[in-house]
């Protein structure tokens, strides 16, 4: 059974940085899509960043491009989201998701197809 465990959330002031981690376990195939999503109160869930571990292609929402970086550590089966220059509008619950049937650009074009989700970690950015 696939399990995703997020960590690294917290409270920071605007302009600060946080690094989220997502540790994956319970799978056998190596190449997959890993994504970070977020949901603020009263707003729909949105994709933030995704990575296809088969070729390390990365994808970003326009609102975070240049500030956030998604990366992977295959030895630790962990995906990270480095968040710099945080803004109050980045405040949300952040979720890690994974899917082993999506490939390449599908990691970003079919965000609603991710089949495994973590429990979420809260990020709060104060002005």
C-alpha atoms as a PDB file:
ATOM      1  CA  UNK A   1       0.000   0.000   0.000  1.00  0.00           C
ATOM      2  CA  UNK A   2       1.396   3.361  -1.065  1.00  0.00           C
ATOM      3  CA  UNK A   3       1.941   5.825   1.727  1.00  0.00           C
ATOM      4  CA  UNK A   4       2.924   9.483   1.389  1.00  0.00           C
ATOM      5  CA  UNK A   5       4.047  11.434   4.435  1.00  0.00           C
ATOM      6  CA  UNK A   6       4.549  15.182   4.221  1.00  0.00           C
ATOM      7  CA  UNK A   7       6.563  17.316   6.601  1.00  0.00           C
ATOM      8  CA  UNK A   8       8.158  20.730   6.767  1.00  0.00           C
ATOM      9  CA  UNK A   9       5.197  23.052   6.980  1.00  0.00           C
ATOM     10  CA  UNK A  10       5.042  25.924   9.425  1.00  0.00           C
ATOM     11  CA  UNK A  11       4.644  29.645   9.879  1.00  0.00           C
ATOM     12  CA  UNK A  12       6.971  32.199   8.338  1.00  0.00           C
ATOM     13  CA  UNK A  13       6.982  35.876   7.535  1.00  0.00           C
ATOM     14  CA  UNK A  14       6.640  37.121   3.989  1.00  0.00           C
ATOM     15  CA  UNK A  15       9.903  36.764   2.126  1.00  0.00           C
ATOM     16  CA  UNK A  16      10.915  33.719   4.130  1.00  0.00           C
ATOM     17  CA  UNK A  17      11.529  30.160   3.020  1.00  0.00           C
ATOM     18  CA  UNK A  18      10.308  26.676   3.828  1.00  0.00           C
ATOM     19  CA  UNK A  19      11.118  23.243   2.472  1.00  0.00           C
ATOM     20  CA  UNK A  20       8.411  20.621   2.318  1.00  0.00           C
ATOM     21  CA  UNK A  21       9.253  16.937   2.138  1.00  0.00           C
ATOM     22  CA  UNK A  22       7.184  14.020   0.914  1.00  0.00           C
ATOM     23  CA  UNK A  23       8.431  10.539   1.732  1.00  0.00           C
ATOM     24  CA  UNK A  24       6.909   7.751  -0.353  1.00  0.00           C
ATOM     25  CA  UNK A  25       6.758   4.081   0.526  1.00  0.00           C
ATOM     26  CA  UNK A  26       4.960   0.901  -0.464  1.00  0.00           C
ATOM     27  CA  UNK A  27       5.452   0.996  -4.237  1.00  0.00           C
ATOM     28  CA  UNK A  28       7.446  -1.151  -6.661  1.00  0.00           C
ATOM     29  CA  UNK A  29       7.695   0.804  -9.922  1.00  0.00           C
ATOM     30  CA  UNK A  30      10.330   3.506  -9.965  1.00  0.00           C
ATOM     31  CA  UNK A  31       9.138   6.099 -12.487  1.00  0.00           C
ATOM     32  CA  UNK A  32       6.130   8.092 -11.500  1.00  0.00           C
ATOM     33  CA  UNK A  33       4.597  11.520 -11.154  1.00  0.00           C
ATOM     34  CA  UNK A  34       4.907  13.357  -7.884  1.00  0.00           C
ATOM     35  CA  UNK A  35       3.000  16.542  -7.345  1.00  0.00           C
ATOM     36  CA  UNK A  36       2.464  19.256  -4.780  1.00  0.00           C
ATOM     37  CA  UNK A  37      -0.977  20.764  -4.462  1.00  0.00           C
ATOM     38  CA  UNK A  38      -2.407  23.371  -2.130  1.00  0.00           C
ATOM     39  CA  UNK A  39      -5.795  24.441  -0.914  1.00  0.00           C
ATOM     40  CA  UNK A  40      -6.584  27.654   0.903  1.00  0.00           C
ATOM     41  CA  UNK A  41      -9.828  28.079   2.873  1.00  0.00           C
ATOM     42  CA  UNK A  42     -12.730  28.755   0.535  1.00  0.00           C
ATOM     43  CA  UNK A  43     -10.672  28.133  -2.579  1.00  0.00           C
ATOM     44  CA  UNK A  44     -10.376  25.126  -4.861  1.00  0.00           C
ATOM     45  CA  UNK A  45      -7.354  22.871  -4.754  1.00  0.00           C
ATOM     46  CA  UNK A  46      -4.652  23.894  -7.200  1.00  0.00           C
ATOM     47  CA  UNK A  47      -1.534  22.300  -8.544  1.00  0.00           C
ATOM     48  CA  UNK A  48       1.684  23.964  -7.436  1.00  0.00           C
ATOM     49  CA  UNK A  49       4.459  21.844  -8.928  1.00  0.00           C
ATOM     50  CA  UNK A  50       5.037  18.382 -10.311  1.00  0.00           C
ATOM     51  CA  UNK A  51       7.945  16.188 -11.305  1.00  0.00           C
ATOM     52  CA  UNK A  52       8.168  13.132 -13.496  1.00  0.00           C
ATOM     53  CA  UNK A  53      10.779  10.998 -11.779  1.00  0.00           C
ATOM     54  CA  UNK A  54      11.524   9.065 -14.974  1.00  0.00           C
ATOM     55  CA  UNK A  55      13.383  11.995 -16.534  1.00  0.00           C
ATOM     56  CA  UNK A  56      13.153  14.647 -13.770  1.00  0.00           C
ATOM     57  CA  UNK A  57      10.989  16.931 -15.909  1.00  0.00           C
ATOM     58  CA  UNK A  58       9.430  19.590 -13.706  1.00  0.00           C
ATOM     59  CA  UNK A  59       6.309  21.690 -14.023  1.00  0.00           C
ATOM     60  CA  UNK A  60       5.136  24.756 -12.091  1.00  0.00           C
ATOM     61  CA  UNK A  61       2.119  26.934 -11.664  1.00  0.00           C
ATOM     62  CA  UNK A  62       2.714  30.439 -12.950  1.00  0.00           C
ATOM     63  CA  UNK A  63       2.145  31.906  -9.495  1.00  0.00           C
ATOM     64  CA  UNK A  64       5.132  30.042  -8.018  1.00  0.00           C
ATOM     65  CA  UNK A  65       7.513  29.779 -10.967  1.00  0.00           C
ATOM     66  CA  UNK A  66      10.888  31.227 -10.052  1.00  0.00           C
ATOM     67  CA  UNK A  67      10.149  31.000  -6.311  1.00  0.00           C
ATOM     68  CA  UNK A  68       9.444  27.298  -5.747  1.00  0.00           C
ATOM     69  CA  UNK A  69      11.585  24.345  -6.782  1.00  0.00           C
ATOM     70  CA  UNK A  70      10.504  20.705  -6.830  1.00  0.00           C
ATOM     71  CA  UNK A  71      13.210  18.070  -6.624  1.00  0.00           C
ATOM     72  CA  UNK A  72      13.670  14.397  -5.853  1.00  0.00           C
ATOM     73  CA  UNK A  73      16.045  12.231  -3.879  1.00  0.00           C
ATOM     74  CA  UNK A  74      15.683   8.722  -5.266  1.00  0.00           C
ATOM     75  CA  UNK A  75      17.862   7.196  -2.557  1.00  0.00           C
ATOM     76  CA  UNK A  76      15.459   8.479   0.087  1.00  0.00           C
ATOM     77  CA  UNK A  77      12.274   8.026  -2.006  1.00  0.00           C
ATOM     78  CA  UNK A  78      11.523  11.630  -1.156  1.00  0.00           C
ATOM     79  CA  UNK A  79      10.330  14.634  -3.124  1.00  0.00           C
ATOM     80  CA  UNK A  80      10.934  18.159  -1.891  1.00  0.00           C
ATOM     81  CA  UNK A  81       9.329  21.518  -2.488  1.00  0.00           C
ATOM     82  CA  UNK A  82      11.691  24.378  -1.735  1.00  0.00           C
ATOM     83  CA  UNK A  83       9.648  27.526  -1.288  1.00  0.00           C
ATOM     84  CA  UNK A  84      11.440  30.863  -1.333  1.00  0.00           C
ATOM     85  CA  UNK A  85      10.202  34.446  -1.294  1.00  0.00           C
ATOM     86  CA  UNK A  86       6.981  33.298   0.308  1.00  0.00           C
ATOM     87  CA  UNK A  87       3.943  35.548   0.093  1.00  0.00           C
ATOM     88  CA  UNK A  88       0.812  35.698   2.261  1.00  0.00           C
ATOM     89  CA  UNK A  89      -1.139  34.318  -0.697  1.00  0.00           C
ATOM     90  CA  UNK A  90       0.932  31.127  -0.467  1.00  0.00           C
ATOM     91  CA  UNK A  91      -0.845  30.343   2.804  1.00  0.00           C
ATOM     92  CA  UNK A  92      -2.635  27.018   2.386  1.00  0.00           C
ATOM     93  CA  UNK A  93      -2.664  23.352   3.260  1.00  0.00           C
ATOM     94  CA  UNK A  94      -0.087  21.697   1.033  1.00  0.00           C
ATOM     95  CA  UNK A  95      -0.576  18.124  -0.150  1.00  0.00           C
ATOM     96  CA  UNK A  96       1.779  15.685  -1.788  1.00  0.00           C
ATOM     97  CA  UNK A  97       0.365  13.333  -4.396  1.00  0.00           C
ATOM     98  CA  UNK A  98       1.707  10.482  -6.509  1.00  0.00           C
ATOM     99  CA  UNK A  99       0.650   8.370  -9.432  1.00  0.00           C
ATOM    100  CA  UNK A 100       2.372   5.513 -11.220  1.00  0.00           C
ATOM    101  CA  UNK A 101       0.220   5.487 -14.365  1.00  0.00           C
ATOM    102  CA  UNK A 102       0.779   9.108 -15.431  1.00  0.00           C
ATOM    103  CA  UNK A 103       3.928   9.885 -17.365  1.00  0.00           C
ATOM    104  CA  UNK A 104       5.790  12.944 -18.586  1.00  0.00           C
ATOM    105  CA  UNK A 105       3.617  15.962 -19.297  1.00  0.00           C
ATOM    106  CA  UNK A 106       0.686  14.003 -17.907  1.00  0.00           C
ATOM    107  CA  UNK A 107       2.111  14.803 -14.483  1.00  0.00           C
ATOM    108  CA  UNK A 108       0.907  18.363 -15.032  1.00  0.00           C
ATOM    109  CA  UNK A 109      -1.856  18.113 -17.640  1.00  0.00           C
ATOM    110  CA  UNK A 110      -3.921  15.585 -15.666  1.00  0.00           C
ATOM    111  CA  UNK A 111      -3.649  16.815 -12.092  1.00  0.00           C
ATOM    112  CA  UNK A 112      -7.050  15.338 -11.279  1.00  0.00           C
ATOM    113  CA  UNK A 113      -5.758  11.835 -12.018  1.00  0.00           C
ATOM    114  CA  UNK A 114      -3.346  11.510  -9.101  1.00  0.00           C
ATOM    115  CA  UNK A 115      -4.363   8.425  -7.150  1.00  0.00           C
ATOM    116  CA  UNK A 116      -2.376   8.639  -3.921  1.00  0.00           C
ATOM    117  CA  UNK A 117      -2.394  11.533  -1.469  1.00  0.00           C
ATOM    118  CA  UNK A 118      -0.676  12.539   1.727  1.00  0.00           C
ATOM    119  CA  UNK A 119      -2.375  13.983   4.769  1.00  0.00           C
ATOM    120  CA  UNK A 120      -1.235  17.552   4.142  1.00  0.00           C
ATOM    121  CA  UNK A 121       0.977  20.061   5.915  1.00  0.00           C
ATOM    122  CA  UNK A 122      -0.013  23.627   6.760  1.00  0.00           C
ATOM    123  CA  UNK A 123       1.956  26.589   5.453  1.00  0.00           C
ATOM    124  CA  UNK A 124       1.140  30.022   6.887  1.00  0.00           C
ATOM    125  CA  UNK A 125       2.826  33.163   5.615  1.00  0.00           C
ATOM    126  CA  UNK A 126       2.267  36.383   7.541  1.00  0.00           C
ATOM    127  CA  UNK A 127       2.733  39.872   6.146  1.00  0.00           C
END
